[in-house]
Protein backbone atom coordinates (compact mmCIF):
# COMPACT_ATOMS: atom_id res chain seq x y z
CA MET A 1 -8.86 16.49 23.74
CA ASN A 2 -5.56 13.73 23.70
CA PRO A 3 -5.21 11.26 21.02
CA GLU A 4 -6.34 8.54 23.88
CA GLU A 5 -9.47 9.62 23.92
CA ILE A 6 -9.68 10.91 19.97
CA PHE A 7 -8.92 6.77 20.06
CA ASN A 8 -11.89 6.11 22.13
CA GLU A 9 -14.71 8.26 20.80
CA THR A 10 -13.49 6.41 17.51
CA LEU A 11 -13.71 2.77 18.84
CA GLU A 12 -17.18 3.90 20.09
CA TYR A 13 -18.40 5.11 16.64
CA GLY A 14 -17.00 2.24 15.21
CA ASN A 15 -19.49 0.33 17.17
CA GLN A 16 -22.21 1.37 17.44
CA HIS A 17 -22.83 2.16 14.27
CA ALA A 18 -21.24 -1.41 12.79
CA ASN A 19 -23.09 -2.84 9.82
CA PRO A 20 -22.41 -6.79 9.44
CA ASP A 21 -23.77 -7.28 6.55
CA LEU A 22 -21.68 -4.14 4.96
CA VAL A 23 -18.54 -7.26 6.76
CA ALA A 24 -19.94 -9.87 5.25
CA LYS A 25 -20.55 -7.69 1.08
CA TYR A 26 -16.68 -7.39 1.59
CA LEU A 27 -15.45 -10.33 3.14
CA LYS A 28 -14.71 -12.44 -0.08
CA TYR A 29 -12.37 -9.12 -0.60
CA PHE A 30 -10.07 -10.27 1.83
CA LYS A 31 -8.72 -13.96 2.04
CA GLU A 32 -7.31 -13.80 5.17
CA GLY A 33 -10.50 -12.29 7.04
CA TYR A 34 -11.61 -9.07 7.11
CA ASP A 35 -12.23 -7.26 10.64
CA ALA A 36 -14.51 -3.96 10.14
CA PHE A 37 -17.40 -2.52 11.51
CA GLY A 38 -19.21 -2.09 8.44
CA LEU A 39 -18.74 1.43 8.15
CA ASN A 40 -19.86 2.68 4.39
CA HIS A 41 -17.55 5.48 3.22
CA GLU A 42 -19.72 8.89 3.85
CA GLN A 43 -19.85 7.27 7.58
CA VAL A 44 -15.76 7.14 7.39
CA LYS A 45 -15.23 10.79 5.59
CA GLY A 46 -18.10 12.26 8.31
CA LYS A 47 -16.18 10.64 11.74
CA THR A 48 -12.57 12.47 9.80
CA GLY A 49 -14.46 15.31 9.79
CA GLU A 50 -15.37 15.33 13.13
CA ILE A 51 -12.13 14.55 13.95
CA LEU A 52 -9.80 17.22 12.44
CA ALA A 53 -12.76 20.31 13.81
CA ILE A 54 -11.97 19.88 17.72
CA PRO A 55 -10.11 22.87 18.47
CA GLY A 56 -7.06 23.02 18.80
CA ILE A 57 -5.68 19.60 16.71
CA THR A 58 -2.78 19.60 15.50
CA GLN A 59 -0.81 17.53 13.29
CA LYS A 60 1.38 16.74 16.37
CA MET A 61 -1.56 15.62 17.23
CA ILE A 62 -2.97 13.59 14.65
CA LEU A 63 0.51 11.56 14.33
CA GLU A 64 0.39 10.01 18.05
CA THR A 65 -3.06 9.24 17.87
CA SER A 66 -2.30 7.53 13.78
CA LEU A 67 -0.58 4.62 16.22
CA LEU A 68 -3.22 4.71 18.47
CA LEU A 69 -5.55 3.47 15.69
CA VAL A 70 -3.51 1.79 13.31
CA LYS A 71 -3.50 -0.50 16.74
CA SER A 72 -6.83 -1.29 15.79
CA PRO A 73 -7.46 -4.56 14.35
CA LYS A 74 -10.72 -2.64 12.41
CA TYR A 75 -9.84 -1.97 8.30
CA GLU A 76 -12.05 1.22 9.31
CA MET A 77 -9.38 2.66 11.80
CA THR A 78 -6.20 1.99 9.74
CA VAL A 79 -8.94 3.96 6.31
CA ILE A 80 -9.13 6.72 9.18
CA ALA A 81 -5.61 7.25 10.35
CA ILE A 82 -4.60 7.59 6.51
CA GLN A 83 -7.14 9.41 6.01
CA LEU A 84 -5.97 12.18 9.27
CA VAL A 85 -2.37 12.70 8.40
CA ARG A 86 -3.20 13.47 4.90
CA SER A 87 -5.56 16.56 5.45
CA PHE A 88 -2.06 17.25 6.86
CA TYR A 89 -0.24 17.78 3.83
CA ARG A 90 1.24 21.23 3.36
CA SER A 91 2.70 21.09 6.40
CA TRP A 92 5.19 17.36 6.54
CA THR A 93 8.21 16.49 7.18
CA THR A 94 10.06 13.76 7.68
CA GLU A 95 8.50 12.64 11.19
CA THR A 96 5.34 11.99 9.14
CA PHE A 97 7.39 9.02 6.87
CA ARG A 98 8.51 7.51 9.96
CA THR A 99 4.91 7.29 11.30
CA VAL A 100 3.18 5.80 8.51
CA GLU A 101 7.26 3.75 8.33
CA GLN A 102 6.11 2.66 11.81
CA TRP A 103 2.00 1.64 10.77
CA PHE A 104 3.23 -1.78 9.67
CA SER A 105 4.52 -3.14 12.47
CA LEU A 106 2.15 -2.13 13.95
CA GLY A 107 -0.87 -3.42 12.05
CA ILE A 108 -0.77 -3.32 8.62
CA THR A 109 -2.31 -6.77 7.43
CA ASN A 110 -4.34 -6.10 4.37
CA TRP A 111 -3.74 -4.63 0.64
CA ALA A 112 -6.47 -3.00 1.02
CA GLN A 113 -4.59 -1.45 4.30
CA THR A 114 -1.23 -0.97 2.12
CA ASP A 115 -2.75 0.30 -1.51
CA TYR A 116 -4.45 2.75 0.62
CA ILE A 117 -1.23 3.89 1.84
CA CYS A 118 1.13 3.48 -1.62
CA GLY A 119 -1.94 6.07 -3.25
CA GLU A 120 -3.07 8.11 -0.59
CA LEU A 121 0.23 8.89 1.60
CA MET A 122 3.32 7.43 -0.24
CA ASN A 123 2.76 9.28 -4.11
CA LEU A 124 3.05 12.32 -1.72
CA PHE A 125 5.52 11.93 -0.04
CA PHE A 126 7.88 11.88 -3.29
CA LYS A 127 6.25 14.74 -5.14
CA ALA A 128 6.91 17.16 -1.61
CA LYS A 129 10.63 15.15 -2.59
CA LEU A 130 10.40 14.16 1.87
CA VAL A 131 11.27 10.85 0.34
CA SER A 132 13.20 8.76 -2.47
CA ILE A 133 13.89 5.46 -3.31
CA GLY A 134 16.39 5.18 -0.84
CA ASP A 135 14.24 4.97 1.97
CA LEU A 136 12.26 2.36 0.92
CA ARG A 137 15.21 -0.53 0.74
CA PRO A 138 14.57 -1.70 4.59
CA TRP A 139 10.95 -2.45 3.12
CA ARG A 140 11.80 -4.68 0.52
CA THR A 141 12.68 -7.12 3.37
CA ALA A 142 10.20 -6.07 5.95
CA GLY A 143 9.61 -8.71 8.54
CA ASN A 144 5.70 -7.80 7.40
CA LYS A 145 4.52 -8.73 4.14
CA PHE A 146 2.29 -5.83 3.05
CA GLN A 147 5.60 -3.67 3.91
CA ARG A 148 7.10 -5.48 1.84
CA ARG A 149 4.98 -4.76 -1.06
CA ALA A 150 4.32 -1.12 -0.27
CA ALA A 151 7.91 -1.26 -1.24
CA ALA A 152 6.69 -1.70 -4.76
CA VAL A 153 3.23 -0.50 -5.01
CA SER A 154 4.30 3.52 -3.22
CA LEU A 155 6.90 3.56 -6.93
CA ILE A 156 3.65 3.45 -9.26
CA LYS A 157 3.42 7.39 -9.95
CA PRO A 158 6.09 8.89 -8.75
CA MET A 159 7.18 5.91 -12.02
CA LYS A 160 5.46 7.43 -14.11
CA LEU A 161 7.10 10.93 -14.16
CA SER A 162 10.21 9.07 -14.54
CA ALA A 163 11.99 8.66 -17.10
CA ASP A 164 14.84 6.75 -16.22
CA PHE A 165 13.54 3.44 -14.93
CA LYS A 166 16.80 1.59 -14.75
CA PRO A 167 16.56 3.22 -10.90
CA TYR A 168 13.37 0.73 -10.61
CA PHE A 169 14.34 -2.74 -11.59
CA ASP A 170 17.27 -2.50 -10.16
CA PHE A 171 15.75 -1.42 -6.57
CA ILE A 172 12.76 -4.49 -7.24
CA GLU A 173 15.73 -7.35 -8.85
CA PRO A 174 15.65 -8.45 -5.09
CA MET A 175 12.19 -8.36 -4.58
CA MET A 176 12.03 -10.84 -7.61
CA HIS A 177 12.14 -13.76 -5.70
CA ASP A 178 9.71 -12.62 -2.52
CA PRO A 179 7.90 -15.63 -1.43
CA ALA A 180 4.66 -13.94 -0.75
CA ARG A 181 1.62 -13.94 -2.89
CA GLU A 182 1.12 -10.21 -2.07
CA VAL A 183 4.08 -8.33 -2.76
CA HIS A 184 4.05 -10.72 -6.03
CA GLN A 185 0.94 -9.12 -6.73
CA GLY A 186 2.61 -5.49 -5.69
CA LEU A 187 5.27 -6.21 -8.17
CA GLY A 188 3.35 -7.56 -11.54
CA TRP A 189 1.27 -4.33 -10.07
CA LEU A 190 3.99 -2.29 -10.74
CA LEU A 191 6.59 -3.67 -13.78
CA ARG A 192 2.52 -3.70 -15.48
CA GLU A 193 1.96 0.09 -16.19
CA MET A 194 6.22 -0.16 -16.57
CA TRP A 195 5.76 -1.83 -18.96
CA LYS A 196 2.62 0.33 -20.19
CA LYS A 197 5.60 3.30 -20.53
CA GLN A 198 8.90 1.96 -21.31
CA PRO A 199 8.01 -2.08 -23.16
CA ALA A 200 11.19 -2.89 -24.59
CA ALA A 201 12.62 -2.13 -21.12
CA THR A 202 10.21 -3.42 -19.05
CA GLU A 203 9.89 -6.97 -21.27
CA ALA A 204 14.01 -7.34 -21.45
CA PHE A 205 13.86 -6.96 -17.49
CA LEU A 206 11.21 -9.40 -17.08
CA PHE A 207 13.27 -11.95 -19.46
CA ARG A 208 15.42 -12.17 -16.85
CA PHE A 209 13.09 -13.76 -14.87
CA LYS A 210 11.02 -15.47 -16.90
CA GLU A 211 12.16 -19.01 -15.32
CA THR A 212 12.68 -18.28 -11.82
CA SER A 213 10.83 -15.83 -10.53
CA PRO A 214 7.19 -16.90 -9.61
CA ARG A 215 3.98 -17.40 -12.43
CA LEU A 216 1.38 -14.92 -10.11
CA ILE A 217 4.02 -11.52 -11.16
CA PHE A 218 3.93 -12.89 -14.88
CA GLN A 219 0.50 -13.10 -15.06
CA TYR A 220 -0.56 -9.21 -13.61
CA ALA A 221 3.13 -7.66 -15.79
CA THR A 222 1.53 -9.28 -18.98
CA GLU A 223 -2.06 -8.32 -18.29
CA LYS A 224 -1.76 -6.27 -20.83
CA MET A 225 -0.37 -8.06 -23.84
CA THR A 226 -2.24 -9.44 -26.95
CA ALA A 227 -1.81 -13.46 -25.91
CA GLU A 228 1.40 -13.75 -28.01
CA GLY A 229 3.45 -10.96 -26.18
CA LYS A 230 2.04 -13.20 -23.21
CA GLU A 231 3.23 -16.27 -24.58
CA ARG A 232 6.69 -15.54 -24.51
CA PHE A 233 6.85 -15.04 -20.97
CA ARG A 234 5.95 -19.22 -20.48
CA ARG A 235 8.67 -20.78 -18.87
CA SER A 236 9.95 -23.29 -20.34
CA LYS A 237 8.76 -26.17 -19.60
CA MET A 238 12.63 -28.11 -19.49
CA VAL A 239 12.10 -25.43 -15.47
CA LYS A 240 9.91 -27.19 -13.64
CA GLY A 241 7.34 -25.19 -10.48
């Protein structure tokens, strides 16, 4: 089978097993809409396994297929692409990363896809030393807000293994006034995890932006602080917005 045939068969499978009730169940978590078949975890995993069992399947075929899958508006098609690429982890190259990078311009349209990419793939790119923080610099200003979110969320697991947080603070500094809510959430999530590891350094960074950065960043970043701790990061009353 070639990538087009794999894509078409996967699309047909999704249509045949569509479950509108399951789509309706998860719709509330997606402000911008949720276009999905309604496949459950077992169905997605099973279909991924079927593709991997195709005789002669290679990483090159998987990467080419992933570009087709991600273009589909259906949520599960991207999930299957992620799982397929993840299965070839031990033979990844920088080309694998560049392919995943392309996904954002092709069809990544919600936070769940984004965070799954970060948790399942980006962490492993860092672990395998195929990617460094510098490779994500262009993501900070990408047109797709979910790629900008990924620039922050991708750093959560690598950050936990580092003793020096300065490169991480320097990296996200230009993002602290990003206009997108989804990016604010990603930044706040990263900063919350950084605070758990190095509270003093993280608070010093947050204080620099407390009057000017979106409040949602602080809502997430200070979530685990005491009430008194959170109070220190309230915006001054004289500052509007």
